Amino acid sequence: MAAVFTERSRRVRAATEALALVRGGPGIVPRATGIAESTIRRGLRELAAPPPLEAERTRRPGGGRKRVTDHRPTLRRDLGGVGRADGAWRSGVAAAVGRA
């Protein structure tokens, strides 16, 4: 299921299945799918009152993991420029770790 659905569609789909199983659905679906019961409850809330999300969005603006540099502002300086912002490695470091 994870390869086809987005995070939100997976949650809503599992909630829909829980609703279809009128008796015990929210308890049965987590065991059958491996999706946490809290995730299914969140999907049920979304079905009851859909959040104002644009069609292509999975999360609300600002949702998700924050950049590590937001938590540790000195990280780039502490690493001494090992990695570049464009994702490339410095040639000396790349050779030292076998990535040349």
N, C-alpha and C. Protein backbone atom coordinates (compact mmCIF):
# COMPACT_ATOMS: atom_id res chain seq x y z
N MET A 1 0.81 -1.18 0.00
CA MET A 1 0.00 0.00 0.00
C MET A 1 0.86 1.26 0.00
N ALA A 2 1.99 1.23 0.69
CA ALA A 2 2.82 2.42 0.83
C ALA A 2 3.40 2.89 -0.49
N ALA A 3 3.63 1.98 -1.42
CA ALA A 3 4.24 2.37 -2.69
C ALA A 3 3.28 3.13 -3.60
N VAL A 4 1.99 2.94 -3.42
CA VAL A 4 1.00 3.53 -4.31
C VAL A 4 0.38 4.79 -3.72
N PHE A 5 0.06 4.76 -2.44
CA PHE A 5 -0.66 5.86 -1.81
C PHE A 5 0.28 6.87 -1.17
N THR A 6 -0.20 8.11 -1.08
CA THR A 6 0.53 9.11 -0.30
C THR A 6 0.21 8.87 1.17
N GLU A 7 0.89 9.59 2.03
CA GLU A 7 0.66 9.46 3.46
C GLU A 7 -0.82 9.71 3.80
N ARG A 8 -1.37 10.77 3.25
CA ARG A 8 -2.76 11.14 3.55
C ARG A 8 -3.74 10.13 2.94
N SER A 9 -3.52 9.74 1.69
CA SER A 9 -4.47 8.82 1.05
C SER A 9 -4.45 7.45 1.73
N ARG A 10 -3.30 7.03 2.23
CA ARG A 10 -3.21 5.77 2.96
C ARG A 10 -4.03 5.84 4.25
N ARG A 11 -3.92 6.97 4.93
CA ARG A 11 -4.66 7.19 6.18
C ARG A 11 -6.17 7.19 5.93
N VAL A 12 -6.59 7.91 4.89
CA VAL A 12 -8.01 8.02 4.59
C VAL A 12 -8.55 6.68 4.09
N ARG A 13 -7.78 5.96 3.30
CA ARG A 13 -8.20 4.65 2.79
C ARG A 13 -8.41 3.67 3.95
N ALA A 14 -7.48 3.66 4.89
CA ALA A 14 -7.62 2.76 6.05
C ALA A 14 -8.84 3.16 6.88
N ALA A 15 -9.09 4.45 7.01
CA ALA A 15 -10.26 4.92 7.76
C ALA A 15 -11.54 4.50 7.05
N THR A 16 -11.55 4.57 5.73
CA THR A 16 -12.71 4.15 4.96
C THR A 16 -13.00 2.67 5.18
N GLU A 17 -11.95 1.86 5.19
CA GLU A 17 -12.11 0.42 5.46
C GLU A 17 -12.65 0.20 6.87
N ALA A 18 -12.18 0.99 7.83
CA ALA A 18 -12.66 0.86 9.21
C ALA A 18 -14.14 1.19 9.29
N LEU A 19 -14.57 2.19 8.52
CA LEU A 19 -16.00 2.55 8.50
C LEU A 19 -16.84 1.46 7.83
N ALA A 20 -16.27 0.83 6.82
CA ALA A 20 -17.00 -0.22 6.10
C ALA A 20 -17.25 -1.43 7.01
N LEU A 21 -16.32 -1.70 7.91
CA LEU A 21 -16.48 -2.79 8.88
C LEU A 21 -17.18 -2.20 10.10
N VAL A 22 -18.47 -2.07 10.00
CA VAL A 22 -19.25 -1.34 11.00
C VAL A 22 -18.90 -1.76 12.43
N ARG A 23 -18.80 -3.03 12.66
CA ARG A 23 -18.55 -3.52 14.02
C ARG A 23 -17.07 -3.86 14.20
N GLY A 24 -16.35 -3.08 15.00
CA GLY A 24 -14.96 -3.37 15.32
C GLY A 24 -13.96 -2.94 14.27
N GLY A 25 -14.38 -2.16 13.29
CA GLY A 25 -13.49 -1.74 12.22
C GLY A 25 -12.21 -1.06 12.67
N PRO A 26 -12.31 -0.04 13.54
CA PRO A 26 -11.08 0.63 13.98
C PRO A 26 -10.12 -0.28 14.74
N GLY A 27 -10.60 -1.40 15.25
CA GLY A 27 -9.72 -2.35 15.92
C GLY A 27 -9.17 -3.42 15.00
N ILE A 28 -9.92 -3.77 13.96
CA ILE A 28 -9.53 -4.83 13.04
C ILE A 28 -8.54 -4.32 11.98
N VAL A 29 -8.80 -3.16 11.44
CA VAL A 29 -7.98 -2.63 10.34
C VAL A 29 -6.51 -2.46 10.72
N PRO A 30 -6.18 -1.97 11.93
CA PRO A 30 -4.75 -1.87 12.28
C PRO A 30 -4.03 -3.22 12.26
N ARG A 31 -4.71 -4.26 12.72
CA ARG A 31 -4.08 -5.59 12.70
C ARG A 31 -3.91 -6.11 11.29
N ALA A 32 -4.86 -5.82 10.42
CA ALA A 32 -4.82 -6.32 9.05
C ALA A 32 -3.82 -5.55 8.18
N THR A 33 -3.66 -4.25 8.45
CA THR A 33 -2.83 -3.42 7.57
C THR A 33 -1.47 -3.06 8.16
N GLY A 34 -1.33 -3.14 9.47
CA GLY A 34 -0.08 -2.72 10.11
C GLY A 34 -0.02 -1.22 10.33
N ILE A 35 -1.12 -0.53 10.05
CA ILE A 35 -1.20 0.92 10.26
C ILE A 35 -1.66 1.15 11.69
N ALA A 36 -1.04 2.08 12.38
CA ALA A 36 -1.37 2.35 13.78
C ALA A 36 -2.82 2.79 13.94
N GLU A 37 -3.41 2.38 15.03
CA GLU A 37 -4.79 2.74 15.30
C GLU A 37 -4.96 4.25 15.40
N SER A 38 -3.96 4.94 15.94
CA SER A 38 -4.03 6.41 16.03
C SER A 38 -4.05 7.04 14.64
N THR A 39 -3.37 6.43 13.69
CA THR A 39 -3.37 6.92 12.31
C THR A 39 -4.75 6.75 11.69
N ILE A 40 -5.38 5.64 11.97
CA ILE A 40 -6.72 5.38 11.44
C ILE A 40 -7.72 6.34 12.07
N ARG A 41 -7.58 6.59 13.38
CA ARG A 41 -8.46 7.57 14.03
C ARG A 41 -8.29 8.96 13.41
N ARG A 42 -7.05 9.31 13.08
CA ARG A 42 -6.80 10.60 12.43
C ARG A 42 -7.48 10.63 11.06
N GLY A 43 -7.43 9.53 10.34
CA GLY A 43 -8.11 9.44 9.05
C GLY A 43 -9.62 9.57 9.20
N LEU A 44 -10.16 8.99 10.25
CA LEU A 44 -11.60 9.11 10.52
C LEU A 44 -11.98 10.57 10.79
N ARG A 45 -11.12 11.28 11.52
CA ARG A 45 -11.37 12.71 11.76
C ARG A 45 -11.31 13.49 10.45
N GLU A 46 -10.37 13.14 9.58
CA GLU A 46 -10.26 13.82 8.29
C GLU A 46 -11.48 13.56 7.42
N LEU A 47 -12.03 12.36 7.50
CA LEU A 47 -13.23 12.05 6.73
C LEU A 47 -14.44 12.82 7.27
N ALA A 48 -14.49 12.99 8.58
CA ALA A 48 -15.62 13.70 9.19
C ALA A 48 -15.57 15.20 8.88
N ALA A 49 -14.39 15.78 8.89
CA ALA A 49 -14.23 17.22 8.61
C ALA A 49 -12.92 17.40 7.85
N PRO A 50 -12.95 17.28 6.52
CA PRO A 50 -11.71 17.36 5.74
C PRO A 50 -10.96 18.68 5.98
N PRO A 51 -9.65 18.60 6.21
CA PRO A 51 -8.87 19.81 6.41
C PRO A 51 -8.75 20.57 5.09
N PRO A 52 -8.59 21.86 5.15
CA PRO A 52 -8.46 22.64 3.92
C PRO A 52 -7.08 22.47 3.29
N LEU A 53 -6.84 21.33 2.66
CA LEU A 53 -5.58 21.07 1.96
C LEU A 53 -5.80 21.15 0.46
N GLU A 54 -4.81 21.68 -0.23
CA GLU A 54 -4.88 21.64 -1.69
C GLU A 54 -4.78 20.18 -2.12
N ALA A 55 -5.30 19.88 -3.29
CA ALA A 55 -5.37 18.50 -3.76
C ALA A 55 -4.01 17.82 -3.81
N GLU A 56 -2.96 18.53 -4.17
CA GLU A 56 -1.64 17.90 -4.33
C GLU A 56 -0.85 17.83 -3.03
N ARG A 57 -1.35 18.38 -1.94
CA ARG A 57 -0.63 18.39 -0.66
C ARG A 57 -0.96 17.14 0.14
N THR A 58 0.03 16.64 0.89
CA THR A 58 -0.15 15.53 1.80
C THR A 58 -0.25 16.04 3.23
N ARG A 59 0.53 17.06 3.53
CA ARG A 59 0.56 17.64 4.87
C ARG A 59 0.19 19.10 4.82
N ARG A 60 -0.19 19.61 5.98
CA ARG A 60 -0.45 21.04 6.10
C ARG A 60 0.87 21.78 5.93
N PRO A 61 0.84 23.04 5.50
CA PRO A 61 2.08 23.82 5.40
C PRO A 61 2.78 23.85 6.75
N GLY A 62 4.09 23.61 6.71
CA GLY A 62 4.88 23.58 7.94
C GLY A 62 4.94 22.21 8.59
N GLY A 63 4.18 21.25 8.07
CA GLY A 63 4.19 19.90 8.63
C GLY A 63 5.42 19.14 8.16
N GLY A 64 5.75 18.09 8.86
CA GLY A 64 6.89 17.26 8.47
C GLY A 64 8.14 17.59 9.26
N ARG A 65 9.20 16.92 8.92
CA ARG A 65 10.45 17.06 9.63
C ARG A 65 11.12 18.39 9.31
N LYS A 66 11.67 19.02 10.32
CA LYS A 66 12.39 20.28 10.15
C LYS A 66 13.83 19.98 9.71
N ARG A 67 14.45 20.94 9.05
CA ARG A 67 15.84 20.77 8.64
C ARG A 67 16.72 20.68 9.88
N VAL A 68 17.75 19.85 9.80
CA VAL A 68 18.64 19.67 10.94
C VAL A 68 19.35 20.99 11.27
N THR A 69 19.58 21.83 10.27
CA THR A 69 20.24 23.10 10.53
C THR A 69 19.32 24.07 11.28
N ASP A 70 18.02 23.82 11.29
CA ASP A 70 17.11 24.64 12.11
C ASP A 70 17.33 24.34 13.59
N HIS A 71 17.65 23.08 13.91
CA HIS A 71 17.87 22.68 15.29
C HIS A 71 19.31 22.94 15.74
N ARG A 72 20.24 22.83 14.80
CA ARG A 72 21.67 23.02 15.11
C ARG A 72 22.26 24.01 14.12
N PRO A 73 22.09 25.31 14.37
CA PRO A 73 22.51 26.33 13.41
C PRO A 73 24.01 26.31 13.09
N THR A 74 24.84 25.78 13.97
CA THR A 74 26.28 25.78 13.72
C THR A 74 26.77 24.49 13.05
N LEU A 75 25.87 23.63 12.64
CA LEU A 75 26.25 22.34 12.10
C LEU A 75 27.16 22.45 10.88
N ARG A 76 26.81 23.30 9.92
CA ARG A 76 27.65 23.44 8.71
C ARG A 76 29.06 23.89 9.08
N ARG A 77 29.14 24.84 9.99
CA ARG A 77 30.47 25.32 10.41
C ARG A 77 31.22 24.21 11.14
N ASP A 78 30.52 23.46 12.01
CA ASP A 78 31.15 22.39 12.77
C ASP A 78 31.68 21.28 11.87
N LEU A 79 31.00 21.02 10.76
CA LEU A 79 31.45 19.99 9.83
C LEU A 79 32.61 20.46 8.97
N GLY A 80 32.87 21.74 8.97
CA GLY A 80 34.02 22.27 8.24
C GLY A 80 33.88 22.19 6.74
N GLY A 81 32.66 22.26 6.23
CA GLY A 81 32.46 22.26 4.79
C GLY A 81 32.62 20.90 4.14
N VAL A 82 32.41 19.83 4.88
CA VAL A 82 32.54 18.48 4.33
C VAL A 82 31.61 18.30 3.15
N GLY A 83 30.37 18.62 3.31
CA GLY A 83 29.41 18.52 2.22
C GLY A 83 29.03 19.90 1.73
N ARG A 84 28.70 20.03 0.47
CA ARG A 84 28.30 21.32 -0.07
C ARG A 84 26.79 21.39 -0.12
N ALA A 85 26.27 22.58 -0.20
CA ALA A 85 24.82 22.78 -0.22
C ALA A 85 24.17 22.09 -1.41
N ASP A 86 24.92 21.93 -2.53
CA ASP A 86 24.35 21.29 -3.72
C ASP A 86 24.40 19.77 -3.65
N GLY A 87 24.88 19.21 -2.51
CA GLY A 87 24.90 17.77 -2.33
C GLY A 87 26.19 17.11 -2.80
N ALA A 88 27.10 17.87 -3.41
CA ALA A 88 28.36 17.30 -3.89
C ALA A 88 29.36 17.19 -2.75
N TRP A 89 30.33 16.32 -2.90
CA TRP A 89 31.38 16.15 -1.91
C TRP A 89 32.63 16.87 -2.39
N ARG A 90 33.43 17.36 -1.45
CA ARG A 90 34.76 17.88 -1.81
C ARG A 90 35.61 16.71 -2.24
N SER A 91 36.45 16.91 -3.23
CA SER A 91 37.21 15.79 -3.79
C SER A 91 38.12 15.12 -2.77
N GLY A 92 38.76 15.86 -1.87
CA GLY A 92 39.63 15.27 -0.87
C GLY A 92 38.87 14.39 0.11
N VAL A 93 37.74 14.85 0.51
CA VAL A 93 36.92 14.08 1.45
C VAL A 93 36.35 12.85 0.75
N ALA A 94 35.93 13.02 -0.49
CA ALA A 94 35.37 11.90 -1.25
C ALA A 94 36.39 10.79 -1.39
N ALA A 95 37.62 11.14 -1.66
CA ALA A 95 38.67 10.14 -1.80
C ALA A 95 38.94 9.44 -0.47
N ALA A 96 38.88 10.21 0.61
CA ALA A 96 39.17 9.65 1.93
C ALA A 96 38.11 8.64 2.36
N VAL A 97 36.89 8.82 1.92
CA VAL A 97 35.83 7.89 2.32
C VAL A 97 35.47 6.92 1.20
N GLY A 98 36.26 6.89 0.14
CA GLY A 98 36.04 5.95 -0.94
C GLY A 98 34.97 6.33 -1.92
N ARG A 99 34.70 7.61 -2.08
CA ARG A 99 33.65 8.03 -2.99
C ARG A 99 34.20 8.79 -4.19
N ALA A 100 35.46 8.71 -4.45
CA ALA A 100 36.05 9.46 -5.56
C ALA A 100 35.68 8.89 -6.89
